Amino acid sequence: MEENDERGIGLSAIMKLTGILPIMLGTAFLLTPRTAIAVGPHLTEYGIFVSMYVGVFAIFIGLTQWIVAIYVKENLHIFGRLFAIGLAMTVLLEIYGWVSGLMEFEFKFVFATMIPVSATFVLLMYSMTPEQQETVGNNES
């Protein structure tokens, strides 16, 4: 029996799925910054203004991930690794917030951090090897 090495879902679909995360977070930061951010109740008006910038930038990153997944074919694995590094950096910032005391450590925040951790691992798994593109050769017979 021959094993089937094809994946059921490709890197393009994974990038679209993980691109939904920054779009959702950015929308939440724009609409309800005091409830969407862990330190939201302590935000001043300047903090809310900065969270709006972060929200717009997060939406931009998510849309960029979608556009890259749609239009890039040959080097998609490189972009997958790049977005995985970006998600990992947000996780590191979250951990820094807990360790430094900027944010309270609660179990619900650990659960919320698992979402970008999972997305990072999935992106890394699917972007380890480039997807093979079928090329059509010139058959001159």
Protein backbone atom coordinates (compact mmCIF):
# COMPACT_ATOMS: atom_id res chain seq x y z
CA MET A 1 0.00 0.00 0.00
CA GLU A 2 1.19 3.45 -0.81
CA GLU A 3 0.94 6.26 1.73
CA ASN A 4 -0.58 9.53 0.69
CA ASP A 5 1.78 12.39 1.64
CA GLU A 6 -0.59 15.16 0.62
CA ARG A 7 -1.96 17.42 3.32
CA GLY A 8 -5.66 17.99 3.65
CA ILE A 9 -5.18 21.72 4.05
CA GLY A 10 -2.40 23.88 2.67
CA LEU A 11 -0.27 26.69 4.01
CA SER A 12 -2.39 29.26 2.19
CA ALA A 13 -5.50 28.20 4.10
CA ILE A 14 -3.57 28.07 7.39
CA MET A 15 -2.31 31.62 6.82
CA LYS A 16 -5.84 32.80 6.15
CA LEU A 17 -7.10 31.13 9.32
CA THR A 18 -4.30 32.56 11.46
CA GLY A 19 -4.82 35.95 9.81
CA ILE A 20 -8.28 36.08 11.36
CA LEU A 21 -6.72 36.35 14.84
CA PRO A 22 -5.11 39.81 14.43
CA ILE A 23 -8.17 41.07 12.59
CA MET A 24 -10.44 40.01 15.48
CA LEU A 25 -8.09 41.41 18.12
CA GLY A 26 -7.64 44.68 16.24
CA THR A 27 -11.39 45.08 15.91
CA ALA A 28 -11.81 44.45 19.64
CA PHE A 29 -9.06 46.98 20.43
CA LEU A 30 -10.84 49.59 18.31
CA LEU A 31 -14.36 48.98 19.58
CA THR A 32 -13.86 48.14 23.27
CA PRO A 33 -10.28 48.79 24.44
CA ARG A 34 -11.16 48.80 28.14
CA THR A 35 -12.51 45.25 28.01
CA ALA A 36 -10.32 43.77 25.24
CA ILE A 37 -6.96 44.51 26.85
CA ALA A 38 -5.80 42.95 30.11
CA VAL A 39 -4.86 46.35 31.56
CA GLY A 40 -7.91 48.02 30.02
CA PRO A 41 -9.51 49.29 33.24
CA HIS A 42 -6.30 51.19 34.02
CA LEU A 43 -6.03 52.91 30.63
CA THR A 44 -5.99 56.69 30.40
CA GLU A 45 -7.28 58.53 27.36
CA TYR A 46 -3.75 58.39 25.91
CA GLY A 47 -3.66 54.63 26.47
CA ILE A 48 -6.95 54.24 24.65
CA PHE A 49 -5.56 56.29 21.77
CA VAL A 50 -2.47 54.06 21.61
CA SER A 51 -4.66 50.93 21.72
CA MET A 52 -6.53 52.28 18.70
CA TYR A 53 -3.21 52.50 16.85
CA VAL A 54 -2.42 48.93 17.90
CA GLY A 55 -5.86 47.83 16.71
CA VAL A 56 -5.43 49.42 13.29
CA PHE A 57 -1.96 47.89 12.97
CA ALA A 58 -3.26 44.45 13.99
CA ILE A 59 -6.01 44.64 11.36
CA PHE A 60 -3.38 45.67 8.80
CA ILE A 61 -1.19 42.68 9.72
CA GLY A 62 -4.16 40.30 9.43
CA LEU A 63 -5.17 41.70 6.04
CA THR A 64 -1.55 41.50 4.87
CA GLN A 65 -1.51 37.86 5.87
CA TRP A 66 -4.64 37.26 3.80
CA ILE A 67 -3.27 39.08 0.75
CA VAL A 68 0.03 37.21 0.95
CA ALA A 69 -1.83 33.90 1.23
CA ILE A 70 -3.86 34.72 -1.86
CA TYR A 71 -1.23 36.15 -4.19
CA VAL A 72 2.12 34.60 -3.19
CA LYS A 73 2.65 31.06 -4.41
CA GLU A 74 6.37 30.25 -4.72
CA ASN A 75 7.80 31.61 -1.45
CA LEU A 76 4.74 31.29 0.75
CA HIS A 77 6.68 29.21 3.29
CA ILE A 78 9.01 32.17 3.94
CA PHE A 79 6.06 34.44 4.70
CA GLY A 80 4.58 31.70 6.89
CA ARG A 81 7.74 31.71 8.98
CA LEU A 82 7.74 35.51 9.14
CA PHE A 83 4.17 35.66 10.46
CA ALA A 84 4.97 32.84 12.91
CA ILE A 85 7.83 34.95 14.30
CA GLY A 86 5.45 37.90 14.64
CA LEU A 87 2.92 35.83 16.57
CA ALA A 88 5.69 34.44 18.78
CA MET A 89 6.82 37.98 19.59
CA THR A 90 3.33 38.87 20.82
CA VAL A 91 3.44 35.83 23.10
CA LEU A 92 6.83 36.94 24.45
CA LEU A 93 5.42 40.41 25.13
CA GLU A 94 2.54 38.84 27.01
CA ILE A 95 4.94 36.81 29.15
CA TYR A 96 7.04 39.93 29.77
CA GLY A 97 3.91 41.71 30.99
CA TRP A 98 3.27 38.96 33.52
CA VAL A 99 6.87 38.70 34.72
CA SER A 100 7.39 42.46 35.05
CA GLY A 101 4.13 42.97 36.90
CA LEU A 102 2.56 45.21 34.26
CA MET A 103 -0.32 42.75 33.98
CA GLU A 104 -1.99 40.62 36.59
CA PHE A 105 -1.40 36.92 36.13
CA GLU A 106 -4.71 35.10 35.82
CA PHE A 107 -5.54 31.71 34.35
CA LYS A 108 -7.83 33.23 31.72
CA PHE A 109 -4.83 35.11 30.30
CA VAL A 110 -2.89 31.84 29.96
CA PHE A 111 -5.78 30.43 27.94
CA ALA A 112 -5.87 33.54 25.75
CA THR A 113 -2.12 33.26 25.16
CA MET A 114 -2.50 29.68 23.93
CA ILE A 115 -4.31 30.90 20.81
CA PRO A 116 -1.29 32.73 19.30
CA VAL A 117 1.01 29.95 20.59
CA SER A 118 -1.07 27.39 18.70
CA ALA A 119 -1.17 29.58 15.59
CA THR A 120 2.62 29.96 15.76
CA PHE A 121 3.18 26.22 15.92
CA VAL A 122 0.72 25.49 13.11
CA LEU A 123 2.34 28.12 10.88
CA LEU A 124 5.79 26.73 11.62
CA MET A 125 4.70 23.15 10.95
CA TYR A 126 3.15 24.01 7.60
CA SER A 127 5.99 26.30 6.49
CA MET A 128 8.91 23.94 7.19
CA THR A 129 9.08 22.65 3.65
CA PRO A 130 7.99 24.61 0.59
CA GLU A 131 4.96 23.33 -1.24
CA GLN A 132 5.92 21.75 -4.53
CA GLN A 133 4.61 23.63 -7.52
CA GLU A 134 3.73 21.67 -10.60
CA THR A 135 5.50 23.11 -13.61
CA VAL A 136 4.39 22.56 -17.14
CA GLY A 137 7.36 21.81 -19.37
CA ASN A 138 7.65 22.47 -23.06
CA ASN A 139 7.11 19.20 -24.89
CA GLU A 140 8.53 19.65 -28.33
CA SER A 141 7.99 16.33 -30.08
